[in-house]
Amino acid sequence: MTRSSTSCVLFLFGVSLALGACSGGDDEAAAAAAEEHEAPALGVVLDEDEAQKLGVEVAPLAAGAYQPFVAGTARVLDAQTAIAPLAELDKAETDARTSQSALKRARDLFRSDTAVSAETLEAAERQAAADDAQVKVARARASLAFGTAAPWLDAARRESLIASLASGATALVSASFPSGLASSDSPQAVELERIGSATQRWSTSETWLGPADPSIPGPTVLALVTTTAEGLSTGERLVVRVVSRTPLDGTVVPASAVVLSGGEAWCYLKDDDAFTRRRVDLGRPVAEGYFQQQAFTAGESVVVAGAGLLLARETGGGAEED
């Protein structure tokens, strides 16, 4: 075979390989497209009569808002833990006022006609200094125990707060937030909920940052709560929430629209005769259902009755409704 013939054979062999490769690629793409086309759609098609027989009802999705929050745990403190240092501080301030008045009288008398001796004046000065030091000690103890912003450090409010705490009309609550709340942020308000009873809730705007609990990471927030007829027991544990940022806008999927399948939550949206199944995020529950920030549009028709039957019709099995 000549060199020219050999080159021709090699060229034809290369062309054949290239065509084969192209053909194989086209076959794979075609197979993938066919598989995608044959994949079952998430939903079911029913005409109006079939939908009515199944009892399917639809309603427009409503727009909604969700207020993000940081959750933590709270504990009702024994009122005596606050009353004792408050009474100590109140007594110290009273003694200091009395000794200051006595010192003023002693100075006035000593300067006018030496009606009192120098020793008496010195004793009054020592007593006033001692009482003033006792006030500082009592205030420091109260601040270390309950924070420098505790409302009872204001003498004008102390008497009424002591009476309210002693009678049980006001409860002192310590809330801890393991994460999500900056230690420098003092929340303007907190919401408290009795564990196991979502209907028993308390709100308060009387809050301030207290000393951190070494056993729990994150800041500690102290709050005064006006109790109701249900009352709050000393040592009782509560769920606490504090607003963390501005509300989010989105939609709300009604709870009656949600069905569970394959470990995920779904709902059905109606478009003509097609009922399309779409995933639902259950991470943000609200009173009306579940808030959705994405994937849904207000006004879309959602199945609010019969969603479980649609799922059974689609999958050929049963469905667990939420």
Protein backbone atom coordinates (compact mmCIF):
# COMPACT_ATOMS: atom_id res chain seq x y z
CA MET A 1 0.00 0.00 0.00
CA THR A 2 1.32 3.38 -0.96
CA ARG A 3 1.74 6.30 1.48
CA SER A 4 -1.15 8.07 -0.24
CA SER A 5 -3.50 5.09 0.24
CA THR A 6 -2.54 4.76 3.92
CA SER A 7 -3.30 8.44 4.58
CA CYS A 8 -6.68 8.10 2.95
CA VAL A 9 -7.60 5.10 5.09
CA LEU A 10 -6.57 6.86 8.28
CA PHE A 11 -8.60 9.95 7.36
CA LEU A 12 -11.74 7.87 6.69
CA PHE A 13 -11.26 6.02 10.02
CA GLY A 14 -11.03 9.32 11.91
CA VAL A 15 -14.18 10.65 10.28
CA SER A 16 -16.00 7.45 11.23
CA LEU A 17 -14.97 7.81 14.88
CA ALA A 18 -16.08 11.44 14.97
CA LEU A 19 -19.47 10.60 13.51
CA GLY A 20 -19.87 7.77 16.00
CA ALA A 21 -19.09 10.09 18.90
CA CYS A 22 -21.59 12.66 17.71
CA SER A 23 -24.20 9.98 17.28
CA GLY A 24 -23.55 8.69 20.83
CA GLY A 25 -23.87 12.20 22.28
CA ASP A 26 -27.11 12.78 20.44
CA ASP A 27 -28.44 9.45 21.71
CA GLU A 28 -27.58 10.35 25.32
CA ALA A 29 -29.21 13.79 25.03
CA ALA A 30 -32.29 12.27 23.48
CA ALA A 31 -32.50 9.65 26.23
CA ALA A 32 -32.17 12.36 28.91
CA ALA A 33 -34.88 14.46 27.27
CA ALA A 34 -37.16 11.45 27.02
CA GLU A 35 -36.58 10.57 30.66
CA GLU A 36 -37.33 14.14 31.72
CA HIS A 37 -40.45 14.17 29.60
CA GLU A 38 -41.63 10.88 31.09
CA ALA A 39 -40.96 11.99 34.72
CA PRO A 40 -44.25 12.23 36.61
CA ALA A 41 -45.48 15.78 37.20
CA LEU A 42 -46.17 16.92 40.77
CA GLY A 43 -49.90 17.29 40.53
CA VAL A 44 -53.06 15.94 39.02
CA VAL A 45 -55.51 17.02 36.33
CA LEU A 46 -59.22 16.90 37.13
CA ASP A 47 -62.20 18.45 35.44
CA GLU A 48 -64.77 20.43 37.42
CA ASP A 49 -67.10 17.46 37.92
CA GLU A 50 -64.32 15.25 39.31
CA ALA A 51 -63.10 18.02 41.59
CA GLN A 52 -66.61 18.58 42.96
CA LYS A 53 -67.08 14.86 43.60
CA LEU A 54 -63.87 14.87 45.65
CA GLY A 55 -65.08 17.88 47.60
CA VAL A 56 -62.21 20.06 46.44
CA GLU A 57 -62.51 23.71 47.47
CA VAL A 58 -60.12 26.53 46.61
CA ALA A 59 -59.45 30.00 47.97
CA PRO A 60 -57.07 32.79 46.97
CA LEU A 61 -53.77 32.96 48.81
CA ALA A 62 -53.69 35.97 51.10
CA ALA A 63 -50.76 38.33 51.50
CA GLY A 64 -49.23 38.26 54.95
CA ALA A 65 -46.39 39.50 57.10
CA TYR A 66 -44.14 37.71 59.55
CA GLN A 67 -42.33 39.25 62.49
CA PRO A 68 -39.01 37.49 63.07
CA PHE A 69 -38.14 36.91 66.70
CA VAL A 70 -35.49 35.43 68.93
CA ALA A 71 -36.69 32.72 71.30
CA GLY A 72 -35.33 31.81 74.69
CA THR A 73 -36.26 30.41 78.05
CA ALA A 74 -37.41 32.34 81.11
CA ARG A 75 -37.80 31.63 84.80
CA VAL A 76 -39.96 33.35 87.40
CA LEU A 77 -37.68 34.51 90.22
CA ASP A 78 -38.55 34.44 93.89
CA ALA A 79 -39.75 37.95 94.78
CA GLN A 80 -37.77 37.76 98.01
CA THR A 81 -34.52 37.83 96.04
CA ALA A 82 -35.46 41.36 94.92
CA ILE A 83 -37.36 42.54 98.01
CA ALA A 84 -34.47 41.90 100.42
CA PRO A 85 -31.85 44.05 98.63
CA LEU A 86 -34.50 46.68 97.90
CA ALA A 87 -35.41 46.94 101.57
CA GLU A 88 -31.72 47.11 102.46
CA LEU A 89 -31.14 49.93 100.00
CA ASP A 90 -34.25 51.77 101.15
CA LYS A 91 -33.15 51.55 104.82
CA ALA A 92 -29.62 52.68 103.95
CA GLU A 93 -30.91 55.73 102.09
CA THR A 94 -33.27 56.58 104.97
CA ASP A 95 -30.43 56.32 107.51
CA ALA A 96 -28.23 58.47 105.28
CA ARG A 97 -30.88 61.18 105.05
CA THR A 98 -31.32 61.14 108.84
CA SER A 99 -27.59 61.37 109.54
CA GLN A 100 -27.18 64.18 107.00
CA SER A 101 -29.92 66.16 108.74
CA ALA A 102 -28.27 65.54 112.12
CA LEU A 103 -24.92 66.65 110.73
CA LYS A 104 -26.42 69.88 109.37
CA ARG A 105 -27.96 70.71 112.76
CA ALA A 106 -24.70 69.97 114.56
CA ARG A 107 -22.75 72.23 112.19
CA ASP A 108 -25.26 75.05 112.50
CA LEU A 109 -25.19 74.89 116.30
CA PHE A 110 -21.43 74.64 116.47
CA ARG A 111 -20.97 77.68 114.23
CA SER A 112 -23.56 79.82 116.01
CA ASP A 113 -22.68 79.60 119.67
CA THR A 114 -20.78 76.37 120.16
CA ALA A 115 -23.92 74.89 121.71
CA VAL A 116 -22.48 71.51 120.76
CA SER A 117 -18.93 70.40 121.30
CA ALA A 118 -16.39 69.64 118.61
CA GLU A 119 -16.57 66.00 119.65
CA THR A 120 -20.32 65.91 118.98
CA LEU A 121 -19.82 67.47 115.54
CA GLU A 122 -17.12 64.94 114.71
CA ALA A 123 -19.38 62.09 115.78
CA ALA A 124 -22.14 63.41 113.51
CA GLU A 125 -19.69 63.62 110.60
CA ARG A 126 -18.52 60.05 111.19
CA GLN A 127 -22.08 58.76 111.31
CA ALA A 128 -23.03 60.61 108.11
CA ALA A 129 -19.96 59.23 106.32
CA ALA A 130 -20.71 55.69 107.51
CA ASP A 131 -24.33 55.88 106.40
CA ASP A 132 -23.31 57.29 103.02
CA ALA A 133 -20.90 54.39 102.56
CA GLN A 134 -23.65 51.95 103.48
CA VAL A 135 -25.85 53.43 100.74
CA LYS A 136 -23.11 52.85 98.19
CA VAL A 137 -22.68 49.25 99.35
CA ALA A 138 -26.42 48.54 99.21
CA ARG A 139 -26.73 50.13 95.76
CA ALA A 140 -23.74 48.13 94.49
CA ARG A 141 -25.29 44.89 95.75
CA ALA A 142 -28.60 45.67 94.07
CA SER A 143 -26.83 46.60 90.82
CA LEU A 144 -24.66 43.47 90.81
CA ALA A 145 -27.68 41.26 91.43
CA PHE A 146 -30.11 42.87 88.99
CA GLY A 147 -28.18 45.20 86.68
CA THR A 148 -27.46 48.91 86.72
CA ALA A 149 -30.73 49.70 84.91
CA ALA A 150 -33.03 48.01 87.44
CA PRO A 151 -36.09 50.26 87.95
CA TRP A 152 -35.99 50.00 91.75
CA LEU A 153 -32.70 51.90 91.85
CA ASP A 154 -34.99 54.91 91.39
CA ALA A 155 -36.06 55.77 94.94
CA ALA A 156 -39.32 57.30 93.68
CA ARG A 157 -40.51 53.92 92.37
CA ARG A 158 -39.05 51.63 94.99
CA GLU A 159 -41.86 51.61 97.55
CA SER A 160 -44.59 50.80 95.02
CA LEU A 161 -42.43 48.09 93.38
CA ILE A 162 -41.71 46.42 96.72
CA ALA A 163 -45.44 46.36 97.52
CA SER A 164 -46.35 45.01 94.09
CA LEU A 165 -43.72 42.26 94.21
CA ALA A 166 -44.67 41.31 97.78
CA SER A 167 -48.38 41.01 96.92
CA GLY A 168 -47.74 38.95 93.78
CA ALA A 169 -49.33 41.53 91.49
CA THR A 170 -45.98 41.83 89.72
CA ALA A 171 -43.58 39.00 88.90
CA LEU A 172 -39.85 39.29 88.26
CA VAL A 173 -38.74 37.16 85.31
CA SER A 174 -35.24 36.31 84.13
CA ALA A 175 -34.97 35.43 80.42
CA SER A 176 -31.96 33.92 78.67
CA PHE A 177 -31.25 33.90 74.93
CA PRO A 178 -28.55 31.35 74.02
CA SER A 179 -28.11 32.87 70.56
CA GLY A 180 -29.43 35.49 68.18
CA LEU A 181 -29.64 38.43 70.58
CA ALA A 182 -26.66 40.76 70.84
CA SER A 183 -25.47 41.25 74.40
CA SER A 184 -25.58 45.02 73.90
CA ASP A 185 -29.23 45.02 72.79
CA SER A 186 -31.81 45.70 75.45
CA PRO A 187 -35.19 44.62 74.01
CA GLN A 188 -38.00 47.13 74.25
CA ALA A 189 -40.55 44.40 74.94
CA VAL A 190 -40.75 40.66 75.49
CA GLU A 191 -43.55 38.13 75.15
CA LEU A 192 -43.88 35.27 77.62
CA GLU A 193 -45.86 32.08 77.12
CA ARG A 194 -46.68 29.34 79.59
CA ILE A 195 -45.23 26.02 78.48
CA GLY A 196 -47.98 23.73 77.23
CA SER A 197 -50.59 26.50 77.08
CA ALA A 198 -50.30 28.81 74.09
CA THR A 199 -53.34 30.78 75.29
CA GLN A 200 -51.64 31.94 78.49
CA ARG A 201 -49.36 34.77 77.48
CA TRP A 202 -47.92 37.88 79.05
CA SER A 203 -46.30 40.93 77.46
CA THR A 204 -44.19 43.58 79.10
CA SER A 205 -42.18 46.62 78.12
CA GLU A 206 -40.50 46.90 81.54
CA THR A 207 -37.22 45.22 80.57
CA TRP A 208 -33.51 45.75 81.12
CA LEU A 209 -30.25 43.85 80.75
CA GLY A 210 -29.25 41.92 83.84
CA PRO A 211 -26.09 40.07 84.87
CA ALA A 212 -25.25 37.20 82.52
CA ASP A 213 -26.00 33.66 83.63
CA PRO A 214 -22.68 31.75 83.52
CA SER A 215 -24.50 28.48 82.84
CA ILE A 216 -26.22 29.79 79.67
CA PRO A 217 -24.46 31.58 76.79
CA GLY A 218 -25.89 34.89 75.65
CA PRO A 219 -27.39 37.88 77.46
CA THR A 220 -29.90 37.81 80.31
CA VAL A 221 -32.94 40.07 80.18
CA LEU A 222 -34.89 40.89 83.34
CA ALA A 223 -38.52 41.91 83.13
CA LEU A 224 -41.36 42.97 85.42
CA VAL A 225 -44.61 41.26 84.45
CA THR A 226 -48.06 42.23 85.66
CA THR A 227 -49.72 38.92 86.42
CA THR A 228 -53.31 37.91 85.76
CA ALA A 229 -55.79 35.61 87.44
CA GLU A 230 -53.75 32.58 86.27
CA GLY A 231 -50.73 33.89 88.13
CA LEU A 232 -47.10 32.93 87.75
CA SER A 233 -45.48 30.55 90.22
CA THR A 234 -42.00 31.07 91.60
CA GLY A 235 -39.53 28.93 89.66
CA GLU A 236 -41.93 28.36 86.76
CA ARG A 237 -40.31 28.01 83.35
CA LEU A 238 -41.66 29.98 80.40
CA VAL A 239 -41.04 30.44 76.70
CA VAL A 240 -39.86 33.96 75.90
CA ARG A 241 -39.71 35.78 72.57
CA VAL A 242 -38.32 39.14 71.60
CA VAL A 243 -38.74 40.91 68.27
CA SER A 244 -35.44 40.86 66.37
CA ARG A 245 -35.93 42.93 63.18
CA THR A 246 -38.45 44.45 60.76
CA PRO A 247 -41.37 42.29 59.52
CA LEU A 248 -41.10 40.23 56.32
CA ASP A 249 -43.67 40.41 53.51
CA GLY A 250 -45.02 37.32 51.76
CA THR A 251 -48.08 35.07 51.70
CA VAL A 252 -49.81 32.70 54.10
CA VAL A 253 -50.72 29.14 53.16
CA PRO A 254 -53.74 28.08 55.27
CA ALA A 255 -53.18 25.15 57.60
CA SER A 256 -56.12 23.32 55.98
CA ALA A 257 -54.26 23.38 52.64
CA VAL A 258 -51.21 21.48 53.90
CA VAL A 259 -50.69 17.75 53.37
CA LEU A 260 -47.67 15.65 54.26
CA SER A 261 -45.98 13.22 51.90
CA GLY A 262 -42.49 11.78 51.80
CA GLY A 263 -41.50 13.65 54.94
CA GLU A 264 -42.31 17.03 53.36
CA ALA A 265 -45.23 19.45 53.46
CA TRP A 266 -47.19 20.28 50.30
CA CYS A 267 -50.21 22.16 49.04
CA TYR A 268 -52.10 22.14 45.76
CA LEU A 269 -52.52 25.21 43.55
CA LYS A 270 -55.27 25.25 40.92
CA ASP A 271 -54.78 26.54 37.39
CA ASP A 272 -57.71 25.65 35.11
CA ASP A 273 -58.05 21.85 35.42
CA ALA A 274 -54.53 21.32 36.73
CA PHE A 275 -53.81 20.97 40.44
CA THR A 276 -50.08 21.48 40.92
CA ARG A 277 -48.35 20.30 44.08
CA ARG A 278 -45.90 22.74 45.68
CA ARG A 279 -43.69 22.48 48.77
CA VAL A 280 -44.67 24.46 51.87
CA ASP A 281 -42.19 25.79 54.42
CA LEU A 282 -43.48 25.02 57.92
CA GLY A 283 -40.72 26.96 59.66
CA ARG A 284 -42.76 30.14 60.21
CA PRO A 285 -46.17 29.27 61.65
CA VAL A 286 -48.70 32.10 62.10
CA ALA A 287 -52.27 32.15 63.37
CA GLU A 288 -53.78 31.55 59.91
CA GLY A 289 -51.33 28.89 58.73
CA TYR A 290 -47.73 29.10 57.51
CA PHE A 291 -45.95 32.20 56.27
CA GLN A 292 -44.12 31.86 52.93
CA GLN A 293 -41.60 34.47 51.91
CA GLN A 294 -40.96 32.95 48.47
CA ALA A 295 -42.43 30.50 45.93
CA PHE A 296 -46.00 31.77 46.32
CA THR A 297 -47.92 34.81 45.04
CA ALA A 298 -50.90 36.44 46.68
CA GLY A 299 -54.08 35.67 44.74
CA GLU A 300 -53.07 32.19 43.54
CA SER A 301 -55.85 29.63 44.02
CA VAL A 302 -54.92 27.14 46.73
CA VAL A 303 -56.89 24.02 47.64
CA VAL A 304 -58.21 24.47 51.19
CA ALA A 305 -60.41 21.35 51.27
CA GLY A 306 -59.75 17.98 49.65
CA ALA A 307 -55.96 18.34 49.34
CA GLY A 308 -55.46 14.92 50.98
CA LEU A 309 -57.78 13.30 48.41
CA LEU A 310 -55.89 14.99 45.59
CA LEU A 311 -52.64 13.60 46.93
CA ALA A 312 -54.14 10.13 47.22
CA ARG A 313 -55.46 10.45 43.66
CA GLU A 314 -52.05 11.54 42.41
CA THR A 315 -49.92 8.98 44.25
CA GLY A 316 -52.39 6.15 44.44
CA GLY A 317 -52.01 5.98 48.22
CA GLY A 318 -53.10 7.63 51.44
CA ALA A 319 -52.07 11.02 52.73
CA GLU A 320 -51.47 12.43 56.16
CA GLU A 321 -53.13 15.80 56.47
CA ASP A 322 -51.70 18.53 58.71
